[in-house]
Amino acid sequence: MWVRTDLGGMSDTTQQMSWQTILDWQVQMFFYSCYLYYVLDNPKLDDAGFDRIVDIMEAHFDELPERITHTVGPGQIKANAHLFAHDLSDEEKENAILWKGKRDL
């Protein structure tokens, strides 16, 4: 499982901001993946790619947005991914489709 390590000489504040950016991106890819898989039946990630994202999120559960932590508990993200598939804003749905690649849909 991939977890945060030294980010190469950056200040602690910069490292934390960089890590938060990485985690935020992982969370967004999780939401997009749920929508593409459960709603559009057209996933972008294979199972292993999705599992890696979930593993990162589970390892840093306390740092996740309330949108996740108020819906499921630690260790329950993957088993309940379907709960997030219909919970995207219109903008997030559009971004998921753009991320997937319009030609693939």
N, C-alpha and C. Protein backbone atom coordinates (compact mmCIF):
# COMPACT_ATOMS: atom_id res chain seq x y z
N MET A 1 0.85 -1.17 0.00
CA MET A 1 0.00 0.00 0.00
C MET A 1 0.89 1.23 0.00
N TRP A 2 0.54 2.22 -0.78
CA TRP A 2 1.29 3.47 -0.86
C TRP A 2 0.84 4.38 0.27
N VAL A 3 1.80 4.91 0.99
CA VAL A 3 1.50 5.92 2.01
C VAL A 3 2.50 7.05 1.89
N ARG A 4 2.19 8.14 2.47
CA ARG A 4 3.02 9.33 2.40
C ARG A 4 4.40 9.06 2.99
N THR A 5 5.42 9.52 2.30
CA THR A 5 6.80 9.45 2.80
C THR A 5 7.38 10.85 2.69
N ASP A 6 8.67 11.00 2.97
CA ASP A 6 9.33 12.30 2.87
C ASP A 6 9.13 12.86 1.47
N LEU A 7 8.73 14.09 1.38
CA LEU A 7 8.46 14.72 0.09
C LEU A 7 9.64 15.58 -0.35
N GLY A 8 10.85 15.18 0.00
CA GLY A 8 12.05 15.73 -0.59
C GLY A 8 12.45 17.14 -0.22
N GLY A 9 12.69 17.41 1.04
CA GLY A 9 13.23 18.69 1.44
C GLY A 9 12.25 19.84 1.51
N MET A 10 10.98 19.58 1.35
CA MET A 10 9.97 20.65 1.45
C MET A 10 9.75 20.97 2.92
N SER A 11 9.31 22.20 3.18
CA SER A 11 8.97 22.56 4.56
C SER A 11 7.79 21.70 5.00
N ASP A 12 7.60 21.58 6.32
CA ASP A 12 6.49 20.79 6.84
C ASP A 12 5.15 21.30 6.32
N THR A 13 5.00 22.62 6.24
CA THR A 13 3.75 23.21 5.75
C THR A 13 3.53 22.85 4.29
N THR A 14 4.57 22.94 3.49
CA THR A 14 4.46 22.60 2.07
C THR A 14 4.19 21.12 1.89
N GLN A 15 4.84 20.27 2.71
CA GLN A 15 4.59 18.84 2.63
C GLN A 15 3.13 18.53 2.95
N GLN A 16 2.61 19.15 4.00
CA GLN A 16 1.22 18.90 4.38
C GLN A 16 0.27 19.36 3.28
N MET A 17 0.54 20.53 2.70
CA MET A 17 -0.31 21.02 1.61
C MET A 17 -0.21 20.09 0.41
N SER A 18 1.00 19.62 0.10
CA SER A 18 1.18 18.70 -1.02
C SER A 18 0.46 17.39 -0.76
N TRP A 19 0.58 16.87 0.45
CA TRP A 19 -0.11 15.63 0.79
C TRP A 19 -1.62 15.82 0.70
N GLN A 20 -2.14 16.93 1.22
CA GLN A 20 -3.57 17.17 1.17
C GLN A 20 -4.05 17.26 -0.27
N THR A 21 -3.26 17.85 -1.14
CA THR A 21 -3.61 17.92 -2.56
C THR A 21 -3.68 16.52 -3.16
N ILE A 22 -2.72 15.67 -2.83
CA ILE A 22 -2.72 14.29 -3.33
C ILE A 22 -3.94 13.55 -2.81
N LEU A 23 -4.22 13.66 -1.52
CA LEU A 23 -5.37 12.97 -0.94
C LEU A 23 -6.67 13.49 -1.54
N ASP A 24 -6.79 14.80 -1.70
CA ASP A 24 -8.00 15.38 -2.31
C ASP A 24 -8.21 14.82 -3.72
N TRP A 25 -7.12 14.69 -4.47
CA TRP A 25 -7.21 14.14 -5.82
C TRP A 25 -7.67 12.69 -5.77
N GLN A 26 -7.13 11.91 -4.84
CA GLN A 26 -7.53 10.50 -4.70
C GLN A 26 -9.02 10.40 -4.37
N VAL A 27 -9.48 11.25 -3.48
CA VAL A 27 -10.90 11.24 -3.11
C VAL A 27 -11.77 11.58 -4.31
N GLN A 28 -11.37 12.58 -5.08
CA GLN A 28 -12.16 12.96 -6.27
C GLN A 28 -12.19 11.81 -7.28
N MET A 29 -11.06 11.13 -7.48
CA MET A 29 -11.02 9.99 -8.40
C MET A 29 -11.91 8.86 -7.89
N PHE A 30 -11.99 8.72 -6.57
CA PHE A 30 -12.89 7.73 -5.97
C PHE A 30 -14.33 8.05 -6.34
N PHE A 31 -14.74 9.30 -6.13
CA PHE A 31 -16.12 9.69 -6.45
C PHE A 31 -16.41 9.50 -7.94
N TYR A 32 -15.48 9.94 -8.78
CA TYR A 32 -15.66 9.78 -10.22
C TYR A 32 -15.79 8.30 -10.59
N SER A 33 -14.93 7.48 -10.00
CA SER A 33 -14.94 6.05 -10.29
C SER A 33 -16.26 5.40 -9.88
N CYS A 34 -16.77 5.79 -8.73
CA CYS A 34 -18.06 5.25 -8.27
C CYS A 34 -19.16 5.61 -9.26
N TYR A 35 -19.19 6.84 -9.69
CA TYR A 35 -20.22 7.29 -10.65
C TYR A 35 -20.09 6.54 -11.98
N LEU A 36 -18.88 6.46 -12.50
CA LEU A 36 -18.68 5.80 -13.79
C LEU A 36 -19.03 4.32 -13.72
N TYR A 37 -18.71 3.66 -12.62
CA TYR A 37 -18.96 2.23 -12.48
C TYR A 37 -20.43 1.92 -12.17
N TYR A 38 -20.96 2.54 -11.14
CA TYR A 38 -22.29 2.18 -10.65
C TYR A 38 -23.43 2.84 -11.41
N VAL A 39 -23.21 4.02 -11.96
CA VAL A 39 -24.29 4.73 -12.66
C VAL A 39 -24.19 4.53 -14.17
N LEU A 40 -23.00 4.78 -14.72
CA LEU A 40 -22.85 4.69 -16.18
C LEU A 40 -22.41 3.32 -16.66
N ASP A 41 -22.06 2.43 -15.73
CA ASP A 41 -21.61 1.08 -16.08
C ASP A 41 -20.46 1.13 -17.09
N ASN A 42 -19.53 2.07 -16.88
CA ASN A 42 -18.43 2.26 -17.80
C ASN A 42 -17.20 2.75 -17.01
N PRO A 43 -16.57 1.84 -16.27
CA PRO A 43 -15.47 2.27 -15.39
C PRO A 43 -14.23 2.70 -16.15
N LYS A 44 -13.48 3.58 -15.54
CA LYS A 44 -12.18 3.99 -16.09
C LYS A 44 -11.07 3.13 -15.49
N LEU A 45 -11.14 2.89 -14.19
CA LEU A 45 -10.11 2.13 -13.50
C LEU A 45 -10.44 0.65 -13.47
N ASP A 46 -9.39 -0.18 -13.53
CA ASP A 46 -9.62 -1.59 -13.28
C ASP A 46 -9.76 -1.78 -11.77
N ASP A 47 -10.09 -3.00 -11.35
CA ASP A 47 -10.32 -3.26 -9.93
C ASP A 47 -9.08 -2.94 -9.08
N ALA A 48 -7.90 -3.27 -9.60
CA ALA A 48 -6.67 -3.01 -8.84
C ALA A 48 -6.43 -1.52 -8.65
N GLY A 49 -6.70 -0.72 -9.67
CA GLY A 49 -6.55 0.73 -9.55
C GLY A 49 -7.51 1.32 -8.54
N PHE A 50 -8.75 0.86 -8.57
CA PHE A 50 -9.74 1.33 -7.62
C PHE A 50 -9.34 0.90 -6.20
N ASP A 51 -8.88 -0.33 -6.06
CA ASP A 51 -8.47 -0.82 -4.75
C ASP A 51 -7.32 0.01 -4.18
N ARG A 52 -6.39 0.44 -5.01
CA ARG A 52 -5.27 1.27 -4.54
C ARG A 52 -5.78 2.60 -3.99
N ILE A 53 -6.73 3.21 -4.68
CA ILE A 53 -7.30 4.47 -4.20
C ILE A 53 -7.99 4.25 -2.85
N VAL A 54 -8.78 3.20 -2.75
CA VAL A 54 -9.48 2.92 -1.50
C VAL A 54 -8.48 2.62 -0.37
N ASP A 55 -7.42 1.89 -0.68
CA ASP A 55 -6.41 1.61 0.34
C ASP A 55 -5.80 2.89 0.89
N ILE A 56 -5.49 3.83 0.02
CA ILE A 56 -4.94 5.12 0.46
C ILE A 56 -5.94 5.85 1.33
N MET A 57 -7.19 5.86 0.90
CA MET A 57 -8.23 6.55 1.67
C MET A 57 -8.41 5.89 3.03
N GLU A 58 -8.43 4.57 3.06
CA GLU A 58 -8.60 3.86 4.34
C GLU A 58 -7.44 4.14 5.28
N ALA A 59 -6.22 4.21 4.73
CA ALA A 59 -5.04 4.46 5.56
C ALA A 59 -5.05 5.86 6.17
N HIS A 60 -5.81 6.75 5.57
CA HIS A 60 -5.87 8.14 6.03
C HIS A 60 -7.31 8.56 6.30
N PHE A 61 -8.08 7.64 6.86
CA PHE A 61 -9.51 7.86 7.05
C PHE A 61 -9.81 9.15 7.81
N ASP A 62 -9.04 9.45 8.83
CA ASP A 62 -9.30 10.65 9.65
C ASP A 62 -9.08 11.95 8.89
N GLU A 63 -8.41 11.88 7.75
CA GLU A 63 -8.14 13.07 6.94
C GLU A 63 -9.16 13.24 5.80
N LEU A 64 -10.09 12.32 5.68
CA LEU A 64 -11.07 12.37 4.59
C LEU A 64 -12.17 13.38 4.89
N PRO A 65 -12.83 13.87 3.85
CA PRO A 65 -13.93 14.82 4.07
C PRO A 65 -15.11 14.17 4.78
N GLU A 66 -15.87 14.99 5.48
CA GLU A 66 -17.05 14.50 6.20
C GLU A 66 -18.04 13.79 5.28
N ARG A 67 -18.06 14.16 4.05
CA ARG A 67 -18.93 13.52 3.07
C ARG A 67 -18.73 12.00 3.07
N ILE A 68 -17.52 11.58 3.38
CA ILE A 68 -17.23 10.14 3.45
C ILE A 68 -17.37 9.65 4.89
N THR A 69 -16.72 10.33 5.82
CA THR A 69 -16.67 9.84 7.20
C THR A 69 -18.02 9.86 7.91
N HIS A 70 -18.95 10.66 7.42
CA HIS A 70 -20.30 10.66 8.00
C HIS A 70 -21.20 9.62 7.34
N THR A 71 -20.70 8.98 6.28
CA THR A 71 -21.49 7.98 5.57
C THR A 71 -21.05 6.56 5.94
N VAL A 72 -19.76 6.35 6.06
CA VAL A 72 -19.23 5.03 6.38
C VAL A 72 -18.16 5.15 7.46
N GLY A 73 -17.86 4.04 8.10
CA GLY A 73 -16.82 4.02 9.11
C GLY A 73 -15.51 3.51 8.53
N PRO A 74 -14.47 3.53 9.33
CA PRO A 74 -13.17 3.01 8.88
C PRO A 74 -13.30 1.56 8.42
N GLY A 75 -12.65 1.24 7.33
CA GLY A 75 -12.68 -0.11 6.79
C GLY A 75 -13.93 -0.45 5.99
N GLN A 76 -14.80 0.53 5.76
CA GLN A 76 -16.07 0.27 5.09
C GLN A 76 -16.21 0.98 3.75
N ILE A 77 -15.18 1.66 3.29
CA ILE A 77 -15.30 2.46 2.07
C ILE A 77 -15.58 1.58 0.85
N LYS A 78 -14.76 0.57 0.62
CA LYS A 78 -14.90 -0.26 -0.57
C LYS A 78 -16.25 -0.98 -0.59
N ALA A 79 -16.62 -1.56 0.53
CA ALA A 79 -17.88 -2.31 0.59
C ALA A 79 -19.11 -1.44 0.38
N ASN A 80 -18.96 -0.14 0.59
CA ASN A 80 -20.10 0.77 0.47
C ASN A 80 -19.91 1.82 -0.61
N ALA A 81 -19.03 1.56 -1.56
CA ALA A 81 -18.73 2.53 -2.62
C ALA A 81 -19.99 2.92 -3.39
N HIS A 82 -20.91 1.98 -3.53
CA HIS A 82 -22.15 2.27 -4.27
C HIS A 82 -22.94 3.42 -3.66
N LEU A 83 -22.77 3.66 -2.37
CA LEU A 83 -23.51 4.74 -1.71
C LEU A 83 -23.11 6.12 -2.22
N PHE A 84 -21.91 6.21 -2.77
CA PHE A 84 -21.41 7.51 -3.23
C PHE A 84 -21.69 7.77 -4.71
N ALA A 85 -22.14 6.74 -5.43
CA ALA A 85 -22.30 6.84 -6.89
C ALA A 85 -23.36 7.86 -7.30
N HIS A 86 -24.39 8.00 -6.50
CA HIS A 86 -25.50 8.89 -6.86
C HIS A 86 -25.44 10.21 -6.11
N ASP A 87 -24.33 10.44 -5.42
CA ASP A 87 -24.21 11.61 -4.55
C ASP A 87 -23.30 12.69 -5.14
N LEU A 88 -23.20 12.74 -6.45
CA LEU A 88 -22.33 13.71 -7.10
C LEU A 88 -23.13 14.90 -7.61
N SER A 89 -22.51 16.06 -7.55
CA SER A 89 -23.14 17.25 -8.14
C SER A 89 -23.09 17.11 -9.66
N ASP A 90 -23.84 17.94 -10.35
CA ASP A 90 -23.81 17.92 -11.81
C ASP A 90 -22.40 18.21 -12.33
N GLU A 91 -21.71 19.13 -11.67
CA GLU A 91 -20.34 19.46 -12.08
C GLU A 91 -19.42 18.25 -11.91
N GLU A 92 -19.56 17.53 -10.80
CA GLU A 92 -18.74 16.34 -10.58
C GLU A 92 -19.04 15.26 -11.62
N LYS A 93 -20.30 15.12 -11.98
CA LYS A 93 -20.67 14.14 -13.01
C LYS A 93 -20.02 14.49 -14.34
N GLU A 94 -20.07 15.75 -14.69
CA GLU A 94 -19.44 16.20 -15.93
C GLU A 94 -17.93 15.97 -15.88
N ASN A 95 -17.32 16.27 -14.75
CA ASN A 95 -15.88 16.07 -14.61
C ASN A 95 -15.51 14.59 -14.68
N ALA A 96 -16.35 13.73 -14.14
CA ALA A 96 -16.10 12.29 -14.22
C ALA A 96 -16.11 11.84 -15.68
N ILE A 97 -17.05 12.34 -16.45
CA ILE A 97 -17.13 11.99 -17.87
C ILE A 97 -15.91 12.52 -18.62
N LEU A 98 -15.50 13.75 -18.30
CA LEU A 98 -14.30 14.30 -18.93
C LEU A 98 -13.07 13.48 -18.55
N TRP A 99 -12.98 13.07 -17.30
CA TRP A 99 -11.86 12.27 -16.84
C TRP A 99 -11.84 10.93 -17.57
N LYS A 100 -12.98 10.34 -17.74
CA LYS A 100 -13.08 9.06 -18.45
C LYS A 100 -12.64 9.22 -19.90
N GLY A 101 -13.04 10.31 -20.51
CA GLY A 101 -12.76 10.54 -21.94
C GLY A 101 -14.05 10.34 -22.71
N LYS A 102 -14.55 11.42 -23.27
CA LYS A 102 -15.85 11.38 -23.95
C LYS A 102 -15.92 10.31 -25.03
N ARG A 103 -14.82 10.06 -25.72
CA ARG A 103 -14.86 9.09 -26.80
C ARG A 103 -15.10 7.67 -26.32
N ASP A 104 -14.87 7.42 -25.00
CA ASP A 104 -15.06 6.09 -24.45
C ASP A 104 -16.50 5.82 -24.03
N LEU A 105 -17.33 6.86 -23.93
CA LEU A 105 -18.70 6.65 -23.43
C LEU A 105 -19.67 6.40 -24.56
